């Protein structure tokens, strides 16, 4: 239980990529972390791209970054919705400023782009948003997982084992 006592928040909205939300949550819980889901509305049921539901424990506006050790942003189409909330962008900026672990996979890079935290970072994502990541000032690499300090990024579901191995290491070190 490498992450006993660590608190992690995962963002959610409709059309999240089911595996990219649930696999990290379950792996982190297996390591002893407490993981909360934050969505637009508390107790809202969000449905993933393949029909798997997730219920938000908190609303975005209720999350205080000081109380969490790390944050996760899932992929799918949800990031295009998540990035429209100023409180989410502020939360990501807070994690960036305080060098707390940020995990992002697939299209989750859109949230970090909108938060304007990618300048000078090395990242990966789904190849479909490579240009967006580069236009935000990042160096994009076609690798299963890229770690740049406290930022851990990954491409897609087949890369989840590599992604979580590295994310868990980073959270454990903080």
C-alpha atoms as a PDB file:
ATOM      1  CA  UNK A   1       0.000   0.000   0.000  1.00  0.00           C
ATOM      2  CA  UNK A   2       2.448   2.574  -1.282  1.00  0.00           C
ATOM      3  CA  UNK A   3      -0.037   5.458  -1.309  1.00  0.00           C
ATOM      4  CA  UNK A   4      -1.745   5.000   2.063  1.00  0.00           C
ATOM      5  CA  UNK A   5      -2.939   8.390   3.280  1.00  0.00           C
ATOM      6  CA  UNK A   6      -2.566  10.109  -0.107  1.00  0.00           C
ATOM      7  CA  UNK A   7      -5.617  11.960  -1.433  1.00  0.00           C
ATOM      8  CA  UNK A   8      -6.178  12.236  -5.163  1.00  0.00           C
ATOM      9  CA  UNK A   9      -8.918  13.973  -7.105  1.00  0.00           C
ATOM     10  CA  UNK A  10     -10.009  12.764 -10.524  1.00  0.00           C
ATOM     11  CA  UNK A  11     -12.049  15.022 -12.776  1.00  0.00           C
ATOM     12  CA  UNK A  12     -15.080  13.669 -14.611  1.00  0.00           C
ATOM     13  CA  UNK A  13     -17.716  14.766 -17.103  1.00  0.00           C
ATOM     14  CA  UNK A  14     -19.915  13.002 -19.639  1.00  0.00           C
ATOM     15  CA  UNK A  15     -18.237  10.980 -22.397  1.00  0.00           C
ATOM     16  CA  UNK A  16     -15.069  10.206 -20.431  1.00  0.00           C
ATOM     17  CA  UNK A  17     -13.044   7.272 -21.757  1.00  0.00           C
ATOM     18  CA  UNK A  18     -14.198   4.524 -19.399  1.00  0.00           C
ATOM     19  CA  UNK A  19     -10.846   2.778 -18.953  1.00  0.00           C
ATOM     20  CA  UNK A  20      -8.925   6.047 -18.650  1.00  0.00           C
ATOM     21  CA  UNK A  21     -11.106   7.077 -15.711  1.00  0.00           C
ATOM     22  CA  UNK A  22     -11.635   3.777 -13.895  1.00  0.00           C
ATOM     23  CA  UNK A  23      -8.306   1.968 -14.347  1.00  0.00           C
ATOM     24  CA  UNK A  24      -6.318   4.758 -12.623  1.00  0.00           C
ATOM     25  CA  UNK A  25      -8.877   5.089  -9.822  1.00  0.00           C
ATOM     26  CA  UNK A  26      -8.842   1.361  -9.089  1.00  0.00           C
ATOM     27  CA  UNK A  27      -5.030   1.082  -9.249  1.00  0.00           C
ATOM     28  CA  UNK A  28      -4.605   4.052  -6.922  1.00  0.00           C
ATOM     29  CA  UNK A  29      -7.139   2.598  -4.481  1.00  0.00           C
ATOM     30  CA  UNK A  30      -5.269  -0.714  -4.582  1.00  0.00           C
ATOM     31  CA  UNK A  31      -2.194   1.222  -3.445  1.00  0.00           C
ATOM     32  CA  UNK A  32      -4.136   2.724  -0.531  1.00  0.00           C
ATOM     33  CA  UNK A  33      -4.964   6.171  -1.944  1.00  0.00           C
ATOM     34  CA  UNK A  34      -8.255   7.904  -1.276  1.00  0.00           C
ATOM     35  CA  UNK A  35      -9.659   8.988  -4.648  1.00  0.00           C
ATOM     36  CA  UNK A  36     -12.505  11.469  -5.030  1.00  0.00           C
ATOM     37  CA  UNK A  37     -14.383  12.220  -8.231  1.00  0.00           C
ATOM     38  CA  UNK A  38     -15.171  15.852  -9.020  1.00  0.00           C
ATOM     39  CA  UNK A  39     -17.690  16.833 -11.669  1.00  0.00           C
ATOM     40  CA  UNK A  40     -19.715  19.858 -12.680  1.00  0.00           C
ATOM     41  CA  UNK A  41     -22.372  18.907 -10.109  1.00  0.00           C
ATOM     42  CA  UNK A  42     -22.062  16.939  -6.869  1.00  0.00           C
ATOM     43  CA  UNK A  43     -23.805  13.532  -6.965  1.00  0.00           C
ATOM     44  CA  UNK A  44     -24.332  13.866 -10.750  1.00  0.00           C
ATOM     45  CA  UNK A  45     -24.098  10.574 -12.629  1.00  0.00           C
ATOM     46  CA  UNK A  46     -21.733  10.913 -15.586  1.00  0.00           C
ATOM     47  CA  UNK A  47     -21.760   8.299 -18.328  1.00  0.00           C
ATOM     48  CA  UNK A  48     -18.602   7.190 -20.117  1.00  0.00           C
ATOM     49  CA  UNK A  49     -18.247   6.656 -23.853  1.00  0.00           C
ATOM     50  CA  UNK A  50     -19.035   2.953 -23.422  1.00  0.00           C
ATOM     51  CA  UNK A  51     -21.810   3.361 -20.867  1.00  0.00           C
ATOM     52  CA  UNK A  52     -19.965   2.952 -17.570  1.00  0.00           C
ATOM     53  CA  UNK A  53     -21.307   5.425 -14.985  1.00  0.00           C
ATOM     54  CA  UNK A  54     -19.384   7.503 -12.462  1.00  0.00           C
ATOM     55  CA  UNK A  55     -20.952   9.634  -9.716  1.00  0.00           C
ATOM     56  CA  UNK A  56     -19.212  12.831  -8.622  1.00  0.00           C
ATOM     57  CA  UNK A  57     -18.357  13.010  -4.923  1.00  0.00           C
ATOM     58  CA  UNK A  58     -17.847  16.764  -5.201  1.00  0.00           C
ATOM     59  CA  UNK A  59     -18.432  19.589  -7.638  1.00  0.00           C
ATOM     60  CA  UNK A  60     -15.423  21.248  -9.261  1.00  0.00           C
ATOM     61  CA  UNK A  61     -16.012  24.365  -7.159  1.00  0.00           C
ATOM     62  CA  UNK A  62     -15.866  22.376  -3.900  1.00  0.00           C
ATOM     63  CA  UNK A  63     -12.365  21.028  -4.513  1.00  0.00           C
ATOM     64  CA  UNK A  64      -9.582  22.670  -2.547  1.00  0.00           C
ATOM     65  CA  UNK A  65      -6.254  21.725  -4.133  1.00  0.00           C
ATOM     66  CA  UNK A  66      -4.432  22.159  -0.821  1.00  0.00           C
ATOM     67  CA  UNK A  67      -6.241  19.063   0.513  1.00  0.00           C
ATOM     68  CA  UNK A  68      -5.074  16.808  -2.330  1.00  0.00           C
ATOM     69  CA  UNK A  69      -1.729  15.249  -3.182  1.00  0.00           C
ATOM     70  CA  UNK A  70      -2.404  14.737  -6.907  1.00  0.00           C
ATOM     71  CA  UNK A  71      -4.942  15.257  -9.687  1.00  0.00           C
ATOM     72  CA  UNK A  72      -5.992  13.094 -12.641  1.00  0.00           C
ATOM     73  CA  UNK A  73      -7.640  14.146 -15.882  1.00  0.00           C
ATOM     74  CA  UNK A  74      -9.164  11.300 -17.943  1.00  0.00           C
ATOM     75  CA  UNK A  75      -9.448  11.263 -21.693  1.00  0.00           C
ATOM     76  CA  UNK A  76     -12.358  10.715 -24.032  1.00  0.00           C
ATOM     77  CA  UNK A  77     -14.479  13.677 -25.026  1.00  0.00           C
ATOM     78  CA  UNK A  78     -14.925  14.803 -21.402  1.00  0.00           C
ATOM     79  CA  UNK A  79     -11.811  17.033 -21.407  1.00  0.00           C
ATOM     80  CA  UNK A  80     -13.439  19.299 -23.996  1.00  0.00           C
ATOM     81  CA  UNK A  81     -16.222  19.909 -21.462  1.00  0.00           C
ATOM     82  CA  UNK A  82     -14.032  19.944 -18.331  1.00  0.00           C
ATOM     83  CA  UNK A  83     -11.772  22.688 -19.676  1.00  0.00           C
ATOM     84  CA  UNK A  84     -14.692  25.128 -19.881  1.00  0.00           C
ATOM     85  CA  UNK A  85     -14.843  25.552 -16.101  1.00  0.00           C
ATOM     86  CA  UNK A  86     -12.659  28.353 -14.689  1.00  0.00           C
ATOM     87  CA  UNK A  87     -12.464  26.577 -11.312  1.00  0.00           C
ATOM     88  CA  UNK A  88     -10.917  23.525 -13.010  1.00  0.00           C
ATOM     89  CA  UNK A  89      -8.341  25.636 -14.833  1.00  0.00           C
ATOM     90  CA  UNK A  90      -7.494  27.368 -11.572  1.00  0.00           C
ATOM     91  CA  UNK A  91      -7.142  23.980  -9.858  1.00  0.00           C
ATOM     92  CA  UNK A  92      -4.755  22.702 -12.547  1.00  0.00           C
ATOM     93  CA  UNK A  93      -2.737  25.926 -12.289  1.00  0.00           C
ATOM     94  CA  UNK A  94      -2.560  25.480  -8.509  1.00  0.00           C
ATOM     95  CA  UNK A  95      -1.245  21.917  -8.862  1.00  0.00           C
ATOM     96  CA  UNK A  96       1.281  23.149 -11.422  1.00  0.00           C
ATOM     97  CA  UNK A  97       2.434  26.057  -9.239  1.00  0.00           C
ATOM     98  CA  UNK A  98       2.861  23.754  -6.222  1.00  0.00           C
ATOM     99  CA  UNK A  99       4.527  20.993  -8.275  1.00  0.00           C
ATOM    100  CA  UNK A 100       1.921  18.431  -7.208  1.00  0.00           C
ATOM    101  CA  UNK A 101       1.469  15.399  -9.478  1.00  0.00           C
ATOM    102  CA  UNK A 102      -0.788  15.921 -12.474  1.00  0.00           C
ATOM    103  CA  UNK A 103      -1.800  12.887 -14.534  1.00  0.00           C
ATOM    104  CA  UNK A 104      -3.267  13.277 -18.006  1.00  0.00           C
ATOM    105  CA  UNK A 105      -4.050  10.757 -20.713  1.00  0.00           C
ATOM    106  CA  UNK A 106      -5.340  10.866 -24.277  1.00  0.00           C
ATOM    107  CA  UNK A 107      -7.410  14.040 -24.878  1.00  0.00           C
ATOM    108  CA  UNK A 108      -6.877  15.236 -21.269  1.00  0.00           C
ATOM    109  CA  UNK A 109      -4.137  17.486 -22.626  1.00  0.00           C
ATOM    110  CA  UNK A 110      -6.892  19.872 -23.728  1.00  0.00           C
ATOM    111  CA  UNK A 111      -7.512  20.751 -20.068  1.00  0.00           C
ATOM    112  CA  UNK A 112      -3.828  21.510 -19.481  1.00  0.00           C
ATOM    113  CA  UNK A 113      -3.708  23.544 -22.699  1.00  0.00           C
ATOM    114  CA  UNK A 114      -6.641  25.667 -21.528  1.00  0.00           C
ATOM    115  CA  UNK A 115      -4.968  26.068 -18.108  1.00  0.00           C
ATOM    116  CA  UNK A 116      -1.862  27.326 -19.939  1.00  0.00           C
ATOM    117  CA  UNK A 117       0.575  25.057 -18.048  1.00  0.00           C
ATOM    118  CA  UNK A 118       2.318  23.233 -20.908  1.00  0.00           C
ATOM    119  CA  UNK A 119       4.903  25.805 -22.010  1.00  0.00           C
ATOM    120  CA  UNK A 120       8.315  24.088 -22.062  1.00  0.00           C
ATOM    121  CA  UNK A 121       6.963  20.699 -20.890  1.00  0.00           C
ATOM    122  CA  UNK A 122       7.619  17.289 -22.435  1.00  0.00           C
ATOM    123  CA  UNK A 123       4.349  15.403 -22.918  1.00  0.00           C
ATOM    124  CA  UNK A 124       2.473  12.783 -24.847  1.00  0.00           C
ATOM    125  CA  UNK A 125      -1.220  12.398 -25.668  1.00  0.00           C
ATOM    126  CA  UNK A 126      -3.375  10.832 -28.297  1.00  0.00           C
ATOM    127  CA  UNK A 127      -1.711  11.721 -31.619  1.00  0.00           C
ATOM    128  CA  UNK A 128      -4.931  13.537 -32.574  1.00  0.00           C
ATOM    129  CA  UNK A 129      -4.052  16.490 -30.334  1.00  0.00           C
ATOM    130  CA  UNK A 130      -0.294  16.509 -30.975  1.00  0.00           C
ATOM    131  CA  UNK A 131      -0.514  19.848 -32.818  1.00  0.00           C
ATOM    132  CA  UNK A 132      -2.602  21.360 -30.005  1.00  0.00           C
ATOM    133  CA  UNK A 133      -0.003  20.290 -27.432  1.00  0.00           C
ATOM    134  CA  UNK A 134       2.861  21.676 -29.505  1.00  0.00           C
ATOM    135  CA  UNK A 135       0.989  24.923 -30.180  1.00  0.00           C
ATOM    136  CA  UNK A 136       0.642  25.281 -26.390  1.00  0.00           C
ATOM    137  CA  UNK A 137       4.436  25.227 -26.118  1.00  0.00           C
ATOM    138  CA  UNK A 138       5.013  21.574 -25.223  1.00  0.00           C
ATOM    139  CA  UNK A 139       7.423  19.108 -26.810  1.00  0.00           C
ATOM    140  CA  UNK A 140       5.289  16.130 -27.871  1.00  0.00           C
ATOM    141  CA  UNK A 141       6.776  12.612 -27.788  1.00  0.00           C
ATOM    142  CA  UNK A 142       5.193   9.456 -29.206  1.00  0.00           C
ATOM    143  CA  UNK A 143       5.818   7.264 -26.142  1.00  0.00           C
ATOM    144  CA  UNK A 144       3.498   5.246 -23.860  1.00  0.00           C
ATOM    145  CA  UNK A 145       4.236   7.538 -20.916  1.00  0.00           C
ATOM    146  CA  UNK A 146       6.225  10.745 -20.509  1.00  0.00           C
ATOM    147  CA  UNK A 147       7.276  12.066 -17.101  1.00  0.00           C
ATOM    148  CA  UNK A 148       8.353  15.695 -16.848  1.00  0.00           C
ATOM    149  CA  UNK A 149       8.851  16.448 -13.167  1.00  0.00           C
ATOM    150  CA  UNK A 150       5.423  16.199 -11.546  1.00  0.00           C
ATOM    151  CA  UNK A 151       3.537  15.920 -14.875  1.00  0.00           C
ATOM    152  CA  UNK A 152       2.789  12.384 -16.090  1.00  0.00           C
ATOM    153  CA  UNK A 153       1.171  11.997 -19.507  1.00  0.00           C
ATOM    154  CA  UNK A 154       0.102   9.028 -21.570  1.00  0.00           C
ATOM    155  CA  UNK A 155      -1.421   8.303 -24.993  1.00  0.00           C
ATOM    156  CA  UNK A 156      -4.311   5.829 -24.797  1.00  0.00           C
ATOM    157  CA  UNK A 157      -5.796   2.790 -22.961  1.00  0.00           C
ATOM    158  CA  UNK A 158      -3.137   0.230 -24.016  1.00  0.00           C
ATOM    159  CA  UNK A 159      -0.571   2.472 -22.251  1.00  0.00           C
ATOM    160  CA  UNK A 160      -2.428   2.477 -18.913  1.00  0.00           C
ATOM    161  CA  UNK A 161      -0.066   0.031 -17.122  1.00  0.00           C
ATOM    162  CA  UNK A 162       2.973   2.184 -17.989  1.00  0.00           C
ATOM    163  CA  UNK A 163       1.083   5.366 -17.110  1.00  0.00           C
ATOM    164  CA  UNK A 164       0.005   4.176 -13.675  1.00  0.00           C
ATOM    165  CA  UNK A 165       3.382   2.671 -12.826  1.00  0.00           C
ATOM    166  CA  UNK A 166       4.978   6.087 -13.329  1.00  0.00           C
ATOM    167  CA  UNK A 167       2.130   8.101 -11.790  1.00  0.00           C
ATOM    168  CA  UNK A 168       2.205   5.967  -8.632  1.00  0.00           C
ATOM    169  CA  UNK A 169       5.993   6.481  -8.348  1.00  0.00           C
ATOM    170  CA  UNK A 170       5.603  10.259  -8.634  1.00  0.00           C
ATOM    171  CA  UNK A 171       2.764  10.425  -6.084  1.00  0.00           C
ATOM    172  CA  UNK A 172       4.719   8.172  -3.708  1.00  0.00           C
ATOM    173  CA  UNK A 173       7.726  10.528  -3.840  1.00  0.00           C
ATOM    174  CA  UNK A 174       5.676  13.651  -2.977  1.00  0.00           C
END
